[in-house]
Full PDB file with SEQRES, HELIX, SHEET, SSBOND, CRYST1, ORIGX, SCALE, CONECT and MASTER records, all heavy atoms in Angstrom:
SEQRES   1 A   35  THR GLY LYS LEU ARG ASP PHE SER ASP GLU VAL PHE VAL          
SEQRES   2 A   35  ALA VAL VAL GLY PRO ARG LYS ALA SER ASP TYR GLY GLU          
SEQRES   3 A   35  ARG ALA ALA ARG SER LEU SER ALA ARG                          
HELIX    1 AA1 ASP A   23  ALA A   34  1                                  12    
CRYST1    1.000    1.000    1.000  90.00  90.00  90.00 P 1           1          
ORIGX1      1.000000  0.000000  0.000000        0.00000                         
ORIGX2      0.000000  1.000000  0.000000        0.00000                         
ORIGX3      0.000000  0.000000  1.000000        0.00000                         
SCALE1      1.000000  0.000000  0.000000        0.00000                         
SCALE2      0.000000  1.000000  0.000000        0.00000                         
SCALE3      0.000000  0.000000  1.000000        0.00000                         
ATOM      1  N   THR A   1     -22.143   9.182  13.099  1.00  0.00           N  
ATOM      2  CA  THR A   1     -23.073   8.399  12.291  1.00  0.00           C  
ATOM      3  C   THR A   1     -22.361   7.082  12.043  1.00  0.00           C  
ATOM      4  O   THR A   1     -21.143   6.990  12.139  1.00  0.00           O  
ATOM      5  CB  THR A   1     -23.408   9.094  10.952  1.00  0.00           C  
ATOM      6  OG1 THR A   1     -22.203   9.302  10.229  1.00  0.00           O  
ATOM      7  CG2 THR A   1     -24.118  10.420  11.191  1.00  0.00           C  
ATOM      8  N   GLY A   2     -23.095   6.061  11.755  1.00  0.00           N  
ATOM      9  CA  GLY A   2     -22.477   4.756  11.558  1.00  0.00           C  
ATOM     10  C   GLY A   2     -22.265   4.053  12.880  1.00  0.00           C  
ATOM     11  O   GLY A   2     -22.750   4.479  13.924  1.00  0.00           O  
ATOM     12  N   LYS A   3     -21.521   2.976  12.815  1.00  0.00           N  
ATOM     13  CA  LYS A   3     -21.303   2.150  13.997  1.00  0.00           C  
ATOM     14  C   LYS A   3     -20.103   2.636  14.789  1.00  0.00           C  
ATOM     15  O   LYS A   3     -19.074   2.978  14.219  1.00  0.00           O  
ATOM     16  CB  LYS A   3     -21.070   0.692  13.594  1.00  0.00           C  
ATOM     17  CG  LYS A   3     -22.277   0.047  12.959  1.00  0.00           C  
ATOM     18  CD  LYS A   3     -21.969  -1.376  12.542  1.00  0.00           C  
ATOM     19  CE  LYS A   3     -23.192  -1.980  11.854  1.00  0.00           C  
ATOM     20  NZ  LYS A   3     -22.899  -3.321  11.365  1.00  0.00           N  
ATOM     21  N   LEU A   4     -20.228   2.629  16.081  1.00  0.00           N  
ATOM     22  CA  LEU A   4     -19.106   2.951  16.959  1.00  0.00           C  
ATOM     23  C   LEU A   4     -18.543   1.639  17.458  1.00  0.00           C  
ATOM     24  O   LEU A   4     -19.273   0.758  17.887  1.00  0.00           O  
ATOM     25  CB  LEU A   4     -19.572   3.798  18.150  1.00  0.00           C  
ATOM     26  CG  LEU A   4     -18.476   4.273  19.089  1.00  0.00           C  
ATOM     27  CD1 LEU A   4     -17.547   5.244  18.364  1.00  0.00           C  
ATOM     28  CD2 LEU A   4     -19.076   4.933  20.313  1.00  0.00           C  
ATOM     29  N   ARG A   5     -17.250   1.512  17.367  1.00  0.00           N  
ATOM     30  CA  ARG A   5     -16.644   0.273  17.830  1.00  0.00           C  
ATOM     31  C   ARG A   5     -15.649   0.575  18.937  1.00  0.00           C  
ATOM     32  O   ARG A   5     -15.262   1.712  19.150  1.00  0.00           O  
ATOM     33  CB  ARG A   5     -15.997  -0.462  16.674  1.00  0.00           C  
ATOM     34  CG  ARG A   5     -14.904   0.299  15.950  1.00  0.00           C  
ATOM     35  CD  ARG A   5     -14.467  -0.501  14.721  1.00  0.00           C  
ATOM     36  NE  ARG A   5     -13.228  -0.029  14.189  1.00  0.00           N  
ATOM     37  CZ  ARG A   5     -13.113   0.774  13.144  1.00  0.00           C  
ATOM     38  NH1 ARG A   5     -14.196   1.207  12.530  1.00  0.00           N  
ATOM     39  NH2 ARG A   5     -11.938   1.147  12.715  1.00  0.00           N  
ATOM     40  N   ASP A   6     -15.238  -0.465  19.599  1.00  0.00           N  
ATOM     41  CA  ASP A   6     -14.259  -0.348  20.670  1.00  0.00           C  
ATOM     42  C   ASP A   6     -12.881  -0.167  20.038  1.00  0.00           C  
ATOM     43  O   ASP A   6     -12.385  -1.033  19.338  1.00  0.00           O  
ATOM     44  CB  ASP A   6     -14.287  -1.609  21.541  1.00  0.00           C  
ATOM     45  CG  ASP A   6     -13.287  -1.571  22.665  1.00  0.00           C  
ATOM     46  OD1 ASP A   6     -12.737  -0.481  22.950  1.00  0.00           O  
ATOM     47  OD2 ASP A   6     -13.035  -2.624  23.256  1.00  0.00           O  
ATOM     48  N   PHE A   7     -12.278   0.985  20.270  1.00  0.00           N  
ATOM     49  CA  PHE A   7     -10.987   1.300  19.671  1.00  0.00           C  
ATOM     50  C   PHE A   7      -9.807   0.844  20.523  1.00  0.00           C  
ATOM     51  O   PHE A   7      -8.664   1.040  20.140  1.00  0.00           O  
ATOM     52  CB  PHE A   7     -10.855   2.812  19.464  1.00  0.00           C  
ATOM     53  CG  PHE A   7     -11.846   3.387  18.503  1.00  0.00           C  
ATOM     54  CD1 PHE A   7     -12.785   4.308  18.924  1.00  0.00           C  
ATOM     55  CD2 PHE A   7     -11.829   3.018  17.170  1.00  0.00           C  
ATOM     56  CE1 PHE A   7     -13.689   4.860  18.035  1.00  0.00           C  
ATOM     57  CE2 PHE A   7     -12.729   3.560  16.274  1.00  0.00           C  
ATOM     58  CZ  PHE A   7     -13.663   4.478  16.702  1.00  0.00           C  
ATOM     59  N   SER A   8     -10.045   0.265  21.686  1.00  0.00           N  
ATOM     60  CA  SER A   8      -8.972   0.008  22.648  1.00  0.00           C  
ATOM     61  C   SER A   8      -7.894  -0.938  22.121  1.00  0.00           C  
ATOM     62  O   SER A   8      -6.733  -0.814  22.507  1.00  0.00           O  
ATOM     63  CB  SER A   8      -9.545  -0.514  23.962  1.00  0.00           C  
ATOM     64  OG  SER A   8     -10.251  -1.719  23.757  1.00  0.00           O  
ATOM     65  N   ASP A   9      -8.232  -1.882  21.252  1.00  0.00           N  
ATOM     66  CA  ASP A   9      -7.240  -2.837  20.759  1.00  0.00           C  
ATOM     67  C   ASP A   9      -6.723  -2.501  19.369  1.00  0.00           C  
ATOM     68  O   ASP A   9      -5.942  -3.252  18.803  1.00  0.00           O  
ATOM     69  CB  ASP A   9      -7.833  -4.250  20.736  1.00  0.00           C  
ATOM     70  CG  ASP A   9      -8.116  -4.774  22.129  1.00  0.00           C  
ATOM     71  OD1 ASP A   9      -7.448  -4.322  23.070  1.00  0.00           O  
ATOM     72  OD2 ASP A   9      -9.010  -5.611  22.272  1.00  0.00           O  
ATOM     73  N   GLU A  10      -7.140  -1.376  18.814  1.00  0.00           N  
ATOM     74  CA  GLU A  10      -6.745  -1.037  17.456  1.00  0.00           C  
ATOM     75  C   GLU A  10      -5.471  -0.198  17.442  1.00  0.00           C  
ATOM     76  O   GLU A  10      -5.213   0.583  18.344  1.00  0.00           O  
ATOM     77  CB  GLU A  10      -7.863  -0.269  16.752  1.00  0.00           C  
ATOM     78  CG  GLU A  10      -9.079  -1.139  16.498  1.00  0.00           C  
ATOM     79  CD  GLU A  10     -10.100  -0.481  15.616  1.00  0.00           C  
ATOM     80  OE1 GLU A  10      -9.727  -0.041  14.515  1.00  0.00           O  
ATOM     81  OE2 GLU A  10     -11.261  -0.401  16.034  1.00  0.00           O  
ATOM     82  N   VAL A  11      -4.703  -0.398  16.385  1.00  0.00           N  
ATOM     83  CA  VAL A  11      -3.523   0.423  16.141  1.00  0.00           C  
ATOM     84  C   VAL A  11      -3.836   1.252  14.899  1.00  0.00           C  
ATOM     85  O   VAL A  11      -4.149   0.707  13.839  1.00  0.00           O  
ATOM     86  CB  VAL A  11      -2.260  -0.429  15.924  1.00  0.00           C  
ATOM     87  CG1 VAL A  11      -1.063   0.459  15.636  1.00  0.00           C  
ATOM     88  CG2 VAL A  11      -2.004  -1.309  17.142  1.00  0.00           C  
ATOM     89  N   PHE A  12      -3.779   2.561  15.052  1.00  0.00           N  
ATOM     90  CA  PHE A  12      -4.155   3.470  13.981  1.00  0.00           C  
ATOM     91  C   PHE A  12      -2.943   3.995  13.243  1.00  0.00           C  
ATOM     92  O   PHE A  12      -1.897   4.252  13.839  1.00  0.00           O  
ATOM     93  CB  PHE A  12      -4.937   4.665  14.538  1.00  0.00           C  
ATOM     94  CG  PHE A  12      -6.267   4.287  15.099  1.00  0.00           C  
ATOM     95  CD1 PHE A  12      -6.421   4.038  16.450  1.00  0.00           C  
ATOM     96  CD2 PHE A  12      -7.361   4.161  14.276  1.00  0.00           C  
ATOM     97  CE1 PHE A  12      -7.639   3.678  16.966  1.00  0.00           C  
ATOM     98  CE2 PHE A  12      -8.590   3.799  14.783  1.00  0.00           C  
ATOM     99  CZ  PHE A  12      -8.727   3.557  16.135  1.00  0.00           C  
ATOM    100  N   VAL A  13      -3.121   4.178  11.943  1.00  0.00           N  
ATOM    101  CA  VAL A  13      -2.138   4.859  11.113  1.00  0.00           C  
ATOM    102  C   VAL A  13      -2.897   5.952  10.378  1.00  0.00           C  
ATOM    103  O   VAL A  13      -3.893   5.672   9.692  1.00  0.00           O  
ATOM    104  CB  VAL A  13      -1.464   3.900  10.103  1.00  0.00           C  
ATOM    105  CG1 VAL A  13      -0.534   4.676   9.169  1.00  0.00           C  
ATOM    106  CG2 VAL A  13      -0.706   2.809  10.825  1.00  0.00           C  
ATOM    107  N   ALA A  14      -2.455   7.184  10.548  1.00  0.00           N  
ATOM    108  CA  ALA A  14      -3.073   8.301   9.836  1.00  0.00           C  
ATOM    109  C   ALA A  14      -2.444   8.403   8.452  1.00  0.00           C  
ATOM    110  O   ALA A  14      -1.228   8.494   8.319  1.00  0.00           O  
ATOM    111  CB  ALA A  14      -2.874   9.588  10.612  1.00  0.00           C  
ATOM    112  N   VAL A  15      -3.281   8.334   7.439  1.00  0.00           N  
ATOM    113  CA  VAL A  15      -2.834   8.526   6.063  1.00  0.00           C  
ATOM    114  C   VAL A  15      -3.581   9.752   5.558  1.00  0.00           C  
ATOM    115  O   VAL A  15      -4.791   9.702   5.329  1.00  0.00           O  
ATOM    116  CB  VAL A  15      -3.116   7.284   5.182  1.00  0.00           C  
ATOM    117  CG1 VAL A  15      -2.641   7.524   3.743  1.00  0.00           C  
ATOM    118  CG2 VAL A  15      -2.443   6.051   5.766  1.00  0.00           C  
ATOM    119  N   VAL A  16      -2.852  10.845   5.449  1.00  0.00           N  
ATOM    120  CA  VAL A  16      -3.458  12.127   5.083  1.00  0.00           C  
ATOM    121  C   VAL A  16      -2.615  12.804   4.005  1.00  0.00           C  
ATOM    122  O   VAL A  16      -1.449  12.471   3.808  1.00  0.00           O  
ATOM    123  CB  VAL A  16      -3.573  13.058   6.311  1.00  0.00           C  
ATOM    124  CG1 VAL A  16      -4.459  12.450   7.375  1.00  0.00           C  
ATOM    125  CG2 VAL A  16      -2.206  13.386   6.880  1.00  0.00           C  
ATOM    126  N   GLY A  17      -3.217  13.744   3.343  1.00  0.00           N  
ATOM    127  CA  GLY A  17      -2.486  14.486   2.329  1.00  0.00           C  
ATOM    128  C   GLY A  17      -3.355  15.551   1.705  1.00  0.00           C  
ATOM    129  O   GLY A  17      -4.464  15.820   2.170  1.00  0.00           O  
ATOM    130  N   PRO A  18      -2.864  16.137   0.625  1.00  0.00           N  
ATOM    131  CA  PRO A  18      -3.591  17.260   0.014  1.00  0.00           C  
ATOM    132  C   PRO A  18      -4.891  16.833  -0.664  1.00  0.00           C  
ATOM    133  O   PRO A  18      -5.036  15.696  -1.111  1.00  0.00           O  
ATOM    134  CB  PRO A  18      -2.594  17.803  -1.008  1.00  0.00           C  
ATOM    135  CG  PRO A  18      -1.689  16.668  -1.315  1.00  0.00           C  
ATOM    136  CD  PRO A  18      -1.602  15.853  -0.056  1.00  0.00           C  
ATOM    137  N   ARG A  19      -5.806  17.769  -0.730  1.00  0.00           N  
ATOM    138  CA  ARG A  19      -7.066  17.521  -1.432  1.00  0.00           C  
ATOM    139  C   ARG A  19      -6.839  17.465  -2.936  1.00  0.00           C  
ATOM    140  O   ARG A  19      -7.495  16.718  -3.641  1.00  0.00           O  
ATOM    141  CB  ARG A  19      -8.077  18.617  -1.084  1.00  0.00           C  
ATOM    142  CG  ARG A  19      -8.569  18.508   0.332  1.00  0.00           C  
ATOM    143  CD  ARG A  19      -9.665  19.532   0.616  1.00  0.00           C  
ATOM    144  NE  ARG A  19     -10.101  19.392   1.979  1.00  0.00           N  
ATOM    145  CZ  ARG A  19      -9.844  20.262   2.943  1.00  0.00           C  
ATOM    146  NH1 ARG A  19      -9.164  21.350   2.670  1.00  0.00           N  
ATOM    147  NH2 ARG A  19     -10.267  20.057   4.155  1.00  0.00           N  
ATOM    148  N   LYS A  20      -5.942  18.302  -3.405  1.00  0.00           N  
ATOM    149  CA  LYS A  20      -5.607  18.303  -4.837  1.00  0.00           C  
ATOM    150  C   LYS A  20      -4.341  17.480  -5.004  1.00  0.00           C  
ATOM    151  O   LYS A  20      -3.232  18.002  -5.025  1.00  0.00           O  
ATOM    152  CB  LYS A  20      -5.408  19.731  -5.339  1.00  0.00           C  
ATOM    153  CG  LYS A  20      -6.679  20.540  -5.323  1.00  0.00           C  
ATOM    154  CD  LYS A  20      -6.466  21.921  -5.867  1.00  0.00           C  
ATOM    155  CE  LYS A  20      -7.770  22.703  -5.832  1.00  0.00           C  
ATOM    156  NZ  LYS A  20      -7.593  24.065  -6.355  1.00  0.00           N  
ATOM    157  N   ALA A  21      -4.521  16.185  -5.128  1.00  0.00           N  
ATOM    158  CA  ALA A  21      -3.400  15.251  -5.205  1.00  0.00           C  
ATOM    159  C   ALA A  21      -3.172  14.806  -6.640  1.00  0.00           C  
ATOM    160  O   ALA A  21      -4.095  14.807  -7.462  1.00  0.00           O  
ATOM    161  CB  ALA A  21      -3.682  14.038  -4.326  1.00  0.00           C  
ATOM    162  N   SER A  22      -1.956  14.377  -6.912  1.00  0.00           N  
ATOM    163  CA  SER A  22      -1.650  13.809  -8.229  1.00  0.00           C  
ATOM    164  C   SER A  22      -2.271  12.413  -8.322  1.00  0.00           C  
ATOM    165  O   SER A  22      -2.603  11.791  -7.310  1.00  0.00           O  
ATOM    166  CB  SER A  22      -0.134  13.720  -8.415  1.00  0.00           C  
ATOM    167  OG  SER A  22       0.405  12.764  -7.514  1.00  0.00           O  
ATOM    168  N   ASP A  23      -2.392  11.928  -9.536  1.00  0.00           N  
ATOM    169  CA  ASP A  23      -2.892  10.563  -9.727  1.00  0.00           C  
ATOM    170  C   ASP A  23      -1.982   9.569  -9.012  1.00  0.00           C  
ATOM    171  O   ASP A  23      -2.454   8.626  -8.371  1.00  0.00           O  
ATOM    172  CB  ASP A  23      -2.976  10.206 -11.214  1.00  0.00           C  
ATOM    173  CG  ASP A  23      -4.105  10.942 -11.924  1.00  0.00           C  
ATOM    174  OD1 ASP A  23      -5.034  11.410 -11.227  1.00  0.00           O  
ATOM    175  OD2 ASP A  23      -4.051  11.048 -13.165  1.00  0.00           O  
ATOM    176  N   TYR A  24      -0.668   9.793  -9.133  1.00  0.00           N  
ATOM    177  CA  TYR A  24       0.280   8.909  -8.464  1.00  0.00           C  
ATOM    178  C   TYR A  24       0.069   8.933  -6.947  1.00  0.00           C  
ATOM    179  O   TYR A  24       0.059   7.880  -6.297  1.00  0.00           O  
ATOM    180  CB  TYR A  24       1.732   9.305  -8.779  1.00  0.00           C  
ATOM    181  CG  TYR A  24       2.715   8.533  -7.931  1.00  0.00           C  
ATOM    182  CD1 TYR A  24       3.016   7.206  -8.231  1.00  0.00           C  
ATOM    183  CD2 TYR A  24       3.288   9.105  -6.802  1.00  0.00           C  
ATOM    184  CE1 TYR A  24       3.879   6.471  -7.434  1.00  0.00           C  
ATOM    185  CE2 TYR A  24       4.149   8.383  -5.999  1.00  0.00           C  
ATOM    186  CZ  TYR A  24       4.446   7.069  -6.312  1.00  0.00           C  
ATOM    187  OH  TYR A  24       5.285   6.344  -5.514  1.00  0.00           O  
ATOM    188  N   GLY A  25      -0.103  10.112  -6.372  1.00  0.00           N  
ATOM    189  CA  GLY A  25      -0.312  10.240  -4.930  1.00  0.00           C  
ATOM    190  C   GLY A  25      -1.541   9.480  -4.467  1.00  0.00           C  
ATOM    191  O   GLY A  25      -1.514   8.787  -3.444  1.00  0.00           O  
ATOM    192  N   GLU A  26      -2.608   9.603  -5.214  1.00  0.00           N  
ATOM    193  CA  GLU A  26      -3.850   8.897  -4.849  1.00  0.00           C  
ATOM    194  C   GLU A  26      -3.681   7.383  -4.969  1.00  0.00           C  
ATOM    195  O   GLU A  26      -4.130   6.636  -4.099  1.00  0.00           O  
ATOM    196  CB  GLU A  26      -5.020   9.399  -5.690  1.00  0.00           C  
ATOM    197  CG  GLU A  26      -5.450  10.794  -5.285  1.00  0.00           C  
ATOM    198  CD  GLU A  26      -6.714  11.253  -5.984  1.00  0.00           C  
ATOM    199  OE1 GLU A  26      -7.422  10.422  -6.593  1.00  0.00           O  
ATOM    200  OE2 GLU A  26      -6.996  12.464  -5.907  1.00  0.00           O  
ATOM    201  N   ARG A  27      -3.022   6.928  -6.043  1.00  0.00           N  
ATOM    202  CA  ARG A  27      -2.788   5.479  -6.198  1.00  0.00           C  
ATOM    203  C   ARG A  27      -1.910   4.958  -5.065  1.00  0.00           C  
ATOM    204  O   ARG A  27      -2.167   3.887  -4.503  1.00  0.00           O  
ATOM    205  CB  ARG A  27      -2.143   5.181  -7.547  1.00  0.00           C  
ATOM    206  CG  ARG A  27      -3.101   5.211  -8.717  1.00  0.00           C  
ATOM    207  CD  ARG A  27      -2.497   4.608  -9.990  1.00  0.00           C  
ATOM    208  NE  ARG A  27      -1.136   5.035 -10.276  1.00  0.00           N  
ATOM    209  CZ  ARG A  27      -0.794   6.127 -10.972  1.00  0.00           C  
ATOM    210  NH1 ARG A  27      -1.745   6.911 -11.464  1.00  0.00           N  
ATOM    211  NH2 ARG A  27       0.474   6.425 -11.182  1.00  0.00           N  
ATOM    212  N   ALA A  28      -0.876   5.724  -4.713  1.00  0.00           N  
ATOM    213  CA  ALA A  28       0.039   5.310  -3.644  1.00  0.00           C  
ATOM    214  C   ALA A  28      -0.693   5.252  -2.302  1.00  0.00           C  
ATOM    215  O   ALA A  28      -0.518   4.299  -1.531  1.00  0.00           O  
ATOM    216  CB  ALA A  28       1.235   6.255  -3.566  1.00  0.00           C  
ATOM    217  N   ALA A  29      -1.527   6.245  -2.016  1.00  0.00           N  
ATOM    218  CA  ALA A  29      -2.272   6.268  -0.746  1.00  0.00           C  
ATOM    219  C   ALA A  29      -3.242   5.099  -0.671  1.00  0.00           C  
ATOM    220  O   ALA A  29      -3.370   4.446   0.369  1.00  0.00           O  
ATOM    221  CB  ALA A  29      -3.024   7.598  -0.599  1.00  0.00           C  
ATOM    222  N   ARG A  30      -3.899   4.811  -1.787  1.00  0.00           N  
ATOM    223  CA  ARG A  30      -4.858   3.705  -1.823  1.00  0.00           C  
ATOM    224  C   ARG A  30      -4.150   2.371  -1.610  1.00  0.00           C  
ATOM    225  O   ARG A  30      -4.590   1.534  -0.812  1.00  0.00           O  
ATOM    226  CB  ARG A  30      -5.615   3.722  -3.141  1.00  0.00           C  
ATOM    227  CG  ARG A  30      -6.778   2.781  -3.194  1.00  0.00           C  
ATOM    228  CD  ARG A  30      -7.611   3.019  -4.438  1.00  0.00           C  
ATOM    229  NE  ARG A  30      -8.770   2.163  -4.457  1.00  0.00           N  
ATOM    230  CZ  ARG A  30      -9.859   2.402  -5.165  1.00  0.00           C  
ATOM    231  NH1 ARG A  30      -9.938   3.486  -5.904  1.00  0.00           N  
ATOM    232  NH2 ARG A  30     -10.867   1.571  -5.136  1.00  0.00           N  
ATOM    233  N   SER A  31      -3.023   2.186  -2.298  1.00  0.00           N  
ATOM    234  CA  SER A  31      -2.263   0.939  -2.180  1.00  0.00           C  
ATOM    235  C   SER A  31      -1.671   0.772  -0.782  1.00  0.00           C  
ATOM    236  O   SER A  31      -1.773  -0.303  -0.177  1.00  0.00           O  
ATOM    237  CB  SER A  31      -1.142   0.934  -3.233  1.00  0.00           C  
ATOM    238  OG  SER A  31      -0.300  -0.171  -3.047  1.00  0.00           O  
ATOM    239  N   LEU A  32      -1.070   1.822  -0.262  1.00  0.00           N  
ATOM    240  CA  LEU A  32      -0.471   1.759   1.077  1.00  0.00           C  
ATOM    241  C   LEU A  32      -1.524   1.447   2.133  1.00  0.00           C  
ATOM    242  O   LEU A  32      -1.317   0.600   3.006  1.00  0.00           O  
ATOM    243  CB  LEU A  32       0.225   3.084   1.400  1.00  0.00           C  
ATOM    244  CG  LEU A  32       0.801   3.228   2.805  1.00  0.00           C  
ATOM    245  CD1 LEU A  32       1.919   2.212   3.034  1.00  0.00           C  
ATOM    246  CD2 LEU A  32       1.304   4.642   3.020  1.00  0.00           C  
ATOM    247  N   SER A  33      -2.661   2.109   2.038  1.00  0.00           N  
ATOM    248  CA  SER A  33      -3.734   1.886   3.024  1.00  0.00           C  
ATOM    249  C   SER A  33      -4.294   0.478   2.933  1.00  0.00           C  
ATOM    250  O   SER A  33      -4.623  -0.125   3.951  1.00  0.00           O  
ATOM    251  CB  SER A  33      -4.842   2.915   2.838  1.00  0.00           C  
ATOM    252  OG  SER A  33      -4.343   4.195   3.140  1.00  0.00           O  
ATOM    253  N   ALA A  34      -4.391  -0.060   1.736  1.00  0.00           N  
ATOM    254  CA  ALA A  34      -4.865  -1.442   1.578  1.00  0.00           C  
ATOM    255  C   ALA A  34      -3.886  -2.402   2.248  1.00  0.00           C  
ATOM    256  O   ALA A  34      -4.295  -3.304   2.987  1.00  0.00           O  
ATOM    257  CB  ALA A  34      -5.029  -1.778   0.094  1.00  0.00           C  
ATOM    258  N   ARG A  35      -2.585  -2.191   2.017  1.00  0.00           N  
ATOM    259  CA  ARG A  35      -1.584  -3.071   2.637  1.00  0.00           C  
ATOM    260  C   ARG A  35      -1.590  -2.945   4.151  1.00  0.00           C  
ATOM    261  O   ARG A  35      -1.502  -3.940   4.871  1.00  0.00           O  
ATOM    262  CB  ARG A  35      -0.196  -2.771   2.079  1.00  0.00           C  
ATOM    263  CG  ARG A  35      -0.041  -3.275   0.645  1.00  0.00           C  
ATOM    264  CD  ARG A  35       1.339  -3.056   0.141  1.00  0.00           C  
ATOM    265  NE  ARG A  35       1.575  -1.604   0.151  1.00  0.00           N  
ATOM    266  CZ  ARG A  35       2.540  -0.994  -0.491  1.00  0.00           C  
ATOM    267  NH1 ARG A  35       3.409  -1.672  -1.184  1.00  0.00           N  
ATOM    268  NH2 ARG A  35       2.660   0.307  -0.451  1.00  0.00           N  
TER     269      ARG A  35                                                      
MASTER        0    0    0    1    0    0    0    6  268    1    0    3          
END                                                                             
């Protein structure tokens, strides 16, 4: 669903973790992913 784009020139970083995360973990993941 949504738009499919050409992934050939993209560099991916997987940011994954637990579903039940601490507040700190969620803030860190959000900040890191934004950067």
